[in-house]
Amino acid sequence: MDQAEGLRSIFQRQQCIQKVRQYHKQIREAVAHGKTQQVSQLLNLLEAAQLQLEATYDQPSNWVH
């Protein structure tokens, strides 16, 4: 993995983390307001976002020194 790929991987991971945090916040707000249908949809989106985040950790990290 060259340096550019490493940086792209880091930025992708950060974007995934932000997306997961955003869905957590939206879920808490929907629960607080009793929007159960919205909660269900957000939970599905959260699951997909978490899988994307996990995939960033499954990538090999062969850093060039």
PDB file of N, CA and C in Angstrom:
ATOM      1  N   MET A   1       0.856  -1.171   0.000  1.00  0.00           N
ATOM      2  CA  MET A   1       0.000   0.000   0.000  1.00  0.00           C
ATOM      3  C   MET A   1       0.896   1.227   0.000  1.00  0.00           C
ATOM      4  N   ASP A   2       0.704   2.105  -0.955  1.00  0.00           N
ATOM      5  CA  ASP A   2       1.507   3.313  -0.972  1.00  0.00           C
ATOM      6  C   ASP A   2       0.896   4.368  -0.048  1.00  0.00           C
ATOM      7  N   GLN A   3       1.583   5.461   0.093  1.00  0.00           N
ATOM      8  CA  GLN A   3       1.152   6.490   1.033  1.00  0.00           C
ATOM      9  C   GLN A   3      -0.219   7.064   0.660  1.00  0.00           C
ATOM     10  N   ALA A   4      -0.468   7.274  -0.622  1.00  0.00           N
ATOM     11  CA  ALA A   4      -1.752   7.818  -1.062  1.00  0.00           C
ATOM     12  C   ALA A   4      -2.904   6.869  -0.707  1.00  0.00           C
ATOM     13  N   GLU A   5      -2.681   5.580  -0.920  1.00  0.00           N
ATOM     14  CA  GLU A   5      -3.712   4.602  -0.566  1.00  0.00           C
ATOM     15  C   GLU A   5      -3.957   4.606   0.938  1.00  0.00           C
ATOM     16  N   GLY A   6      -2.899   4.725   1.705  1.00  0.00           N
ATOM     17  CA  GLY A   6      -3.029   4.775   3.154  1.00  0.00           C
ATOM     18  C   GLY A   6      -3.850   5.966   3.606  1.00  0.00           C
ATOM     19  N   LEU A   7      -3.597   7.113   2.994  1.00  0.00           N
ATOM     20  CA  LEU A   7      -4.362   8.310   3.342  1.00  0.00           C
ATOM     21  C   LEU A   7      -5.823   8.168   2.938  1.00  0.00           C
ATOM     22  N   ARG A   8      -6.064   7.595   1.758  1.00  0.00           N
ATOM     23  CA  ARG A   8      -7.451   7.378   1.333  1.00  0.00           C
ATOM     24  C   ARG A   8      -8.170   6.453   2.309  1.00  0.00           C
ATOM     25  N   SER A   9      -7.481   5.431   2.755  1.00  0.00           N
ATOM     26  CA  SER A   9      -8.073   4.494   3.700  1.00  0.00           C
ATOM     27  C   SER A   9      -8.422   5.186   5.014  1.00  0.00           C
ATOM     28  N   ILE A  10      -7.520   6.035   5.483  1.00  0.00           N
ATOM     29  CA  ILE A  10      -7.771   6.766   6.732  1.00  0.00           C
ATOM     30  C   ILE A  10      -8.976   7.685   6.573  1.00  0.00           C
ATOM     31  N   PHE A  11      -9.030   8.423   5.468  1.00  0.00           N
ATOM     32  CA  PHE A  11     -10.158   9.332   5.244  1.00  0.00           C
ATOM     33  C   PHE A  11     -11.467   8.566   5.091  1.00  0.00           C
ATOM     34  N   GLN A  12     -11.422   7.437   4.411  1.00  0.00           N
ATOM     35  CA  GLN A  12     -12.628   6.620   4.254  1.00  0.00           C
ATOM     36  C   GLN A  12     -13.114   6.130   5.616  1.00  0.00           C
ATOM     37  N   ARG A  13     -12.186   5.693   6.442  1.00  0.00           N
ATOM     38  CA  ARG A  13     -12.549   5.223   7.778  1.00  0.00           C
ATOM     39  C   ARG A  13     -13.180   6.348   8.588  1.00  0.00           C
ATOM     40  N   GLN A  14     -12.599   7.541   8.513  1.00  0.00           N
ATOM     41  CA  GLN A  14     -13.145   8.676   9.254  1.00  0.00           C
ATOM     42  C   GLN A  14     -14.556   9.024   8.769  1.00  0.00           C
ATOM     43  N   GLN A  15     -14.789   8.941   7.468  1.00  0.00           N
ATOM     44  CA  GLN A  15     -16.121   9.207   6.933  1.00  0.00           C
ATOM     45  C   GLN A  15     -17.122   8.174   7.440  1.00  0.00           C
ATOM     46  N   CYS A  16     -16.705   6.935   7.500  1.00  0.00           N
ATOM     47  CA  CYS A  16     -17.579   5.875   8.007  1.00  0.00           C
ATOM     48  C   CYS A  16     -17.897   6.095   9.486  1.00  0.00           C
ATOM     49  N   ILE A  17     -16.900   6.486  10.248  1.00  0.00           N
ATOM     50  CA  ILE A  17     -17.106   6.752  11.675  1.00  0.00           C
ATOM     51  C   ILE A  17     -18.109   7.888  11.855  1.00  0.00           C
ATOM     52  N   GLN A  18     -17.960   8.944  11.074  1.00  0.00           N
ATOM     53  CA  GLN A  18     -18.882  10.075  11.167  1.00  0.00           C
ATOM     54  C   GLN A  18     -20.308   9.652  10.795  1.00  0.00           C
ATOM     55  N   LYS A  19     -20.431   8.797   9.784  1.00  0.00           N
ATOM     56  CA  LYS A  19     -21.754   8.330   9.368  1.00  0.00           C
ATOM     57  C   LYS A  19     -22.407   7.513  10.486  1.00  0.00           C
ATOM     58  N   VAL A  20     -21.632   6.634  11.127  1.00  0.00           N
ATOM     59  CA  VAL A  20     -22.163   5.830  12.232  1.00  0.00           C
ATOM     60  C   VAL A  20     -22.605   6.743  13.369  1.00  0.00           C
ATOM     61  N   ARG A  21     -21.800   7.729  13.712  1.00  0.00           N
ATOM     62  CA  ARG A  21     -22.169   8.676  14.777  1.00  0.00           C
ATOM     63  C   ARG A  21     -23.436   9.441  14.426  1.00  0.00           C
ATOM     64  N   GLN A  22     -23.549   9.838  13.163  1.00  0.00           N
ATOM     65  CA  GLN A  22     -24.726  10.582  12.720  1.00  0.00           C
ATOM     66  C   GLN A  22     -25.982   9.722  12.873  1.00  0.00           C
ATOM     67  N   TYR A  23     -25.900   8.461  12.462  1.00  0.00           N
ATOM     68  CA  TYR A  23     -27.064   7.582  12.599  1.00  0.00           C
ATOM     69  C   TYR A  23     -27.403   7.346  14.065  1.00  0.00           C
ATOM     70  N   HIS A  24     -26.409   7.213  14.925  1.00  0.00           N
ATOM     71  CA  HIS A  24     -26.679   7.056  16.361  1.00  0.00           C
ATOM     72  C   HIS A  24     -27.477   8.250  16.875  1.00  0.00           C
ATOM     73  N   LYS A  25     -27.037   9.436  16.499  1.00  0.00           N
ATOM     74  CA  LYS A  25     -27.716  10.658  16.946  1.00  0.00           C
ATOM     75  C   LYS A  25     -29.152  10.695  16.427  1.00  0.00           C
ATOM     76  N   GLN A  26     -29.336  10.377  15.151  1.00  0.00           N
ATOM     77  CA  GLN A  26     -30.672  10.391  14.563  1.00  0.00           C
ATOM     78  C   GLN A  26     -31.584   9.356  15.220  1.00  0.00           C
ATOM     79  N   ILE A  27     -31.034   8.199  15.565  1.00  0.00           N
ATOM     80  CA  ILE A  27     -31.814   7.145  16.225  1.00  0.00           C
ATOM     81  C   ILE A  27     -32.257   7.616  17.603  1.00  0.00           C
ATOM     82  N   ARG A  28     -31.328   8.216  18.359  1.00  0.00           N
ATOM     83  CA  ARG A  28     -31.688   8.721  19.693  1.00  0.00           C
ATOM     84  C   ARG A  28     -32.812   9.751  19.594  1.00  0.00           C
ATOM     85  N   GLU A  29     -32.714  10.652  18.620  1.00  0.00           N
ATOM     86  CA  GLU A  29     -33.747  11.682  18.447  1.00  0.00           C
ATOM     87  C   GLU A  29     -35.085  11.063  18.045  1.00  0.00           C
ATOM     88  N   ALA A  30     -35.052  10.101  17.138  1.00  0.00           N
ATOM     89  CA  ALA A  30     -36.290   9.456  16.701  1.00  0.00           C
ATOM     90  C   ALA A  30     -36.938   8.691  17.851  1.00  0.00           C
ATOM     91  N   VAL A  31     -36.137   8.007  18.663  1.00  0.00           N
ATOM     92  CA  VAL A  31     -36.669   7.284  19.820  1.00  0.00           C
ATOM     93  C   VAL A  31     -37.296   8.272  20.803  1.00  0.00           C
ATOM     94  N   ALA A  32     -36.615   9.374  21.052  1.00  0.00           N
ATOM     95  CA  ALA A  32     -37.108  10.374  21.996  1.00  0.00           C
ATOM     96  C   ALA A  32     -38.446  10.963  21.556  1.00  0.00           C
ATOM     97  N   HIS A  33     -38.670  11.013  20.243  1.00  0.00           N
ATOM     98  CA  HIS A  33     -39.905  11.589  19.722  1.00  0.00           C
ATOM     99  C   HIS A  33     -40.939  10.528  19.327  1.00  0.00           C
ATOM    100  N   GLY A  34     -40.648   9.268  19.630  1.00  0.00           N
ATOM    101  CA  GLY A  34     -41.598   8.187  19.387  1.00  0.00           C
ATOM    102  C   GLY A  34     -41.828   7.856  17.919  1.00  0.00           C
ATOM    103  N   LYS A  35     -40.859   8.120  17.078  1.00  0.00           N
ATOM    104  CA  LYS A  35     -40.994   7.846  15.641  1.00  0.00           C
ATOM    105  C   LYS A  35     -40.464   6.447  15.342  1.00  0.00           C
ATOM    106  N   THR A  36     -41.274   5.443  15.666  1.00  0.00           N
ATOM    107  CA  THR A  36     -40.804   4.054  15.590  1.00  0.00           C
ATOM    108  C   THR A  36     -40.491   3.603  14.168  1.00  0.00           C
ATOM    109  N   GLN A  37     -41.274   4.034  13.202  1.00  0.00           N
ATOM    110  CA  GLN A  37     -40.992   3.624  11.820  1.00  0.00           C
ATOM    111  C   GLN A  37     -39.651   4.200  11.364  1.00  0.00           C
ATOM    112  N   GLN A  38     -39.381   5.429  11.733  1.00  0.00           N
ATOM    113  CA  GLN A  38     -38.113   6.058  11.378  1.00  0.00           C
ATOM    114  C   GLN A  38     -36.952   5.352  12.078  1.00  0.00           C
ATOM    115  N   VAL A  39     -37.165   4.918  13.320  1.00  0.00           N
ATOM    116  CA  VAL A  39     -36.124   4.205  14.063  1.00  0.00           C
ATOM    117  C   VAL A  39     -35.738   2.934  13.324  1.00  0.00           C
ATOM    118  N   SER A  40     -36.725   2.206  12.855  1.00  0.00           N
ATOM    119  CA  SER A  40     -36.464   0.956  12.136  1.00  0.00           C
ATOM    120  C   SER A  40     -35.619   1.209  10.887  1.00  0.00           C
ATOM    121  N   GLN A  41     -35.976   2.228  10.123  1.00  0.00           N
ATOM    122  CA  GLN A  41     -35.219   2.551   8.916  1.00  0.00           C
ATOM    123  C   GLN A  41     -33.794   2.976   9.270  1.00  0.00           C
ATOM    124  N   LEU A  42     -33.653   3.780  10.308  1.00  0.00           N
ATOM    125  CA  LEU A  42     -32.331   4.259  10.712  1.00  0.00           C
ATOM    126  C   LEU A  42     -31.458   3.113  11.215  1.00  0.00           C
ATOM    127  N   LEU A  43     -32.068   2.154  11.906  1.00  0.00           N
ATOM    128  CA  LEU A  43     -31.295   1.000  12.371  1.00  0.00           C
ATOM    129  C   LEU A  43     -30.737   0.205  11.202  1.00  0.00           C
ATOM    130  N   ASN A  44     -31.515   0.085  10.129  1.00  0.00           N
ATOM    131  CA  ASN A  44     -31.021  -0.605   8.934  1.00  0.00           C
ATOM    132  C   ASN A  44     -29.857   0.162   8.313  1.00  0.00           C
ATOM    133  N   LEU A  45     -29.991   1.492   8.254  1.00  0.00           N
ATOM    134  CA  LEU A  45     -28.906   2.307   7.711  1.00  0.00           C
ATOM    135  C   LEU A  45     -27.663   2.234   8.601  1.00  0.00           C
ATOM    136  N   LEU A  46     -27.884   2.216   9.914  1.00  0.00           N
ATOM    137  CA  LEU A  46     -26.767   2.106  10.851  1.00  0.00           C
ATOM    138  C   LEU A  46     -26.022   0.788  10.657  1.00  0.00           C
ATOM    139  N   GLU A  47     -26.769  -0.282  10.485  1.00  0.00           N
ATOM    140  CA  GLU A  47     -26.128  -1.583  10.278  1.00  0.00           C
ATOM    141  C   GLU A  47     -25.246  -1.565   9.028  1.00  0.00           C
ATOM    142  N   ALA A  48     -25.760  -0.982   7.957  1.00  0.00           N
ATOM    143  CA  ALA A  48     -24.977  -0.898   6.716  1.00  0.00           C
ATOM    144  C   ALA A  48     -23.726  -0.046   6.927  1.00  0.00           C
ATOM    145  N   ALA A  49     -23.872   1.054   7.643  1.00  0.00           N
ATOM    146  CA  ALA A  49     -22.734   1.941   7.905  1.00  0.00           C
ATOM    147  C   ALA A  49     -21.684   1.239   8.768  1.00  0.00           C
ATOM    148  N   GLN A  50     -22.141   0.461   9.736  1.00  0.00           N
ATOM    149  CA  GLN A  50     -21.199  -0.266  10.584  1.00  0.00           C
ATOM    150  C   GLN A  50     -20.453  -1.333   9.796  1.00  0.00           C
ATOM    151  N   LEU A  51     -21.132  -1.979   8.871  1.00  0.00           N
ATOM    152  CA  LEU A  51     -20.460  -2.977   8.026  1.00  0.00           C
ATOM    153  C   LEU A  51     -19.411  -2.309   7.144  1.00  0.00           C
ATOM    154  N   GLN A  52     -19.733  -1.126   6.630  1.00  0.00           N
ATOM    155  CA  GLN A  52     -18.758  -0.386   5.834  1.00  0.00           C
ATOM    156  C   GLN A  52     -17.546  -0.015   6.685  1.00  0.00           C
ATOM    157  N   LEU A  53     -17.803   0.407   7.916  1.00  0.00           N
ATOM    158  CA  LEU A  53     -16.709   0.761   8.818  1.00  0.00           C
ATOM    159  C   LEU A  53     -15.848  -0.457   9.120  1.00  0.00           C
ATOM    160  N   GLU A  54     -16.474  -1.569   9.414  1.00  0.00           N
ATOM    161  CA  GLU A  54     -15.717  -2.793   9.693  1.00  0.00           C
ATOM    162  C   GLU A  54     -14.862  -3.196   8.501  1.00  0.00           C
ATOM    163  N   ALA A  55     -15.378  -2.979   7.308  1.00  0.00           N
ATOM    164  CA  ALA A  55     -14.619  -3.333   6.106  1.00  0.00           C
ATOM    165  C   ALA A  55     -13.338  -2.522   5.998  1.00  0.00           C
ATOM    166  N   THR A  56     -13.333  -1.299   6.526  1.00  0.00           N
ATOM    167  CA  THR A  56     -12.107  -0.501   6.472  1.00  0.00           C
ATOM    168  C   THR A  56     -11.032  -1.085   7.374  1.00  0.00           C
ATOM    169  N   TYR A  57     -11.435  -1.823   8.400  1.00  0.00           N
ATOM    170  CA  TYR A  57     -10.461  -2.454   9.288  1.00  0.00           C
ATOM    171  C   TYR A  57     -10.006  -3.803   8.753  1.00  0.00           C
ATOM    172  N   ASP A  58     -10.779  -4.390   7.855  1.00  0.00           N
ATOM    173  CA  ASP A  58     -10.415  -5.680   7.268  1.00  0.00           C
ATOM    174  C   ASP A  58      -9.397  -5.539   6.151  1.00  0.00           C
ATOM    175  N   GLN A  59      -9.199  -4.311   5.666  1.00  0.00           N
ATOM    176  CA  GLN A  59      -8.249  -4.087   4.588  1.00  0.00           C
ATOM    177  C   GLN A  59      -6.830  -4.291   5.117  1.00  0.00           C
ATOM    178  N   PRO A  60      -5.988  -4.953   4.341  1.00  0.00           N
ATOM    179  CA  PRO A  60      -4.606  -5.143   4.779  1.00  0.00           C
ATOM    180  C   PRO A  60      -3.888  -3.796   4.874  1.00  0.00           C
ATOM    181  N   SER A  61      -3.030  -3.685   5.856  1.00  0.00           N
ATOM    182  CA  SER A  61      -2.302  -2.428   6.031  1.00  0.00           C
ATOM    183  C   SER A  61      -0.818  -2.673   5.818  1.00  0.00           C
ATOM    184  N   ASN A  62      -0.424  -2.772   4.563  1.00  0.00           N
ATOM    185  CA  ASN A  62       0.971  -2.958   4.195  1.00  0.00           C
ATOM    186  C   ASN A  62       1.608  -1.603   3.928  1.00  0.00           C
ATOM    187  N   TRP A  63       1.939  -0.923   4.984  1.00  0.00           N
ATOM    188  CA  TRP A  63       2.505   0.418   4.861  1.00  0.00           C
ATOM    189  C   TRP A  63       3.913   0.359   4.292  1.00  0.00           C
ATOM    190  N   VAL A  64       4.211   1.270   3.418  1.00  0.00           N
ATOM    191  CA  VAL A  64       5.548   1.393   2.854  1.00  0.00           C
ATOM    192  C   VAL A  64       6.363   2.274   3.792  1.00  0.00           C
ATOM    193  N   HIS A  65       7.478   1.806   4.244  1.00  0.00           N
ATOM    194  CA  HIS A  65       8.318   2.568   5.183  1.00  0.00           C
ATOM    195  C   HIS A  65       9.439   3.242   4.456  1.00  0.00           C
TER     196      HIS A  65
END
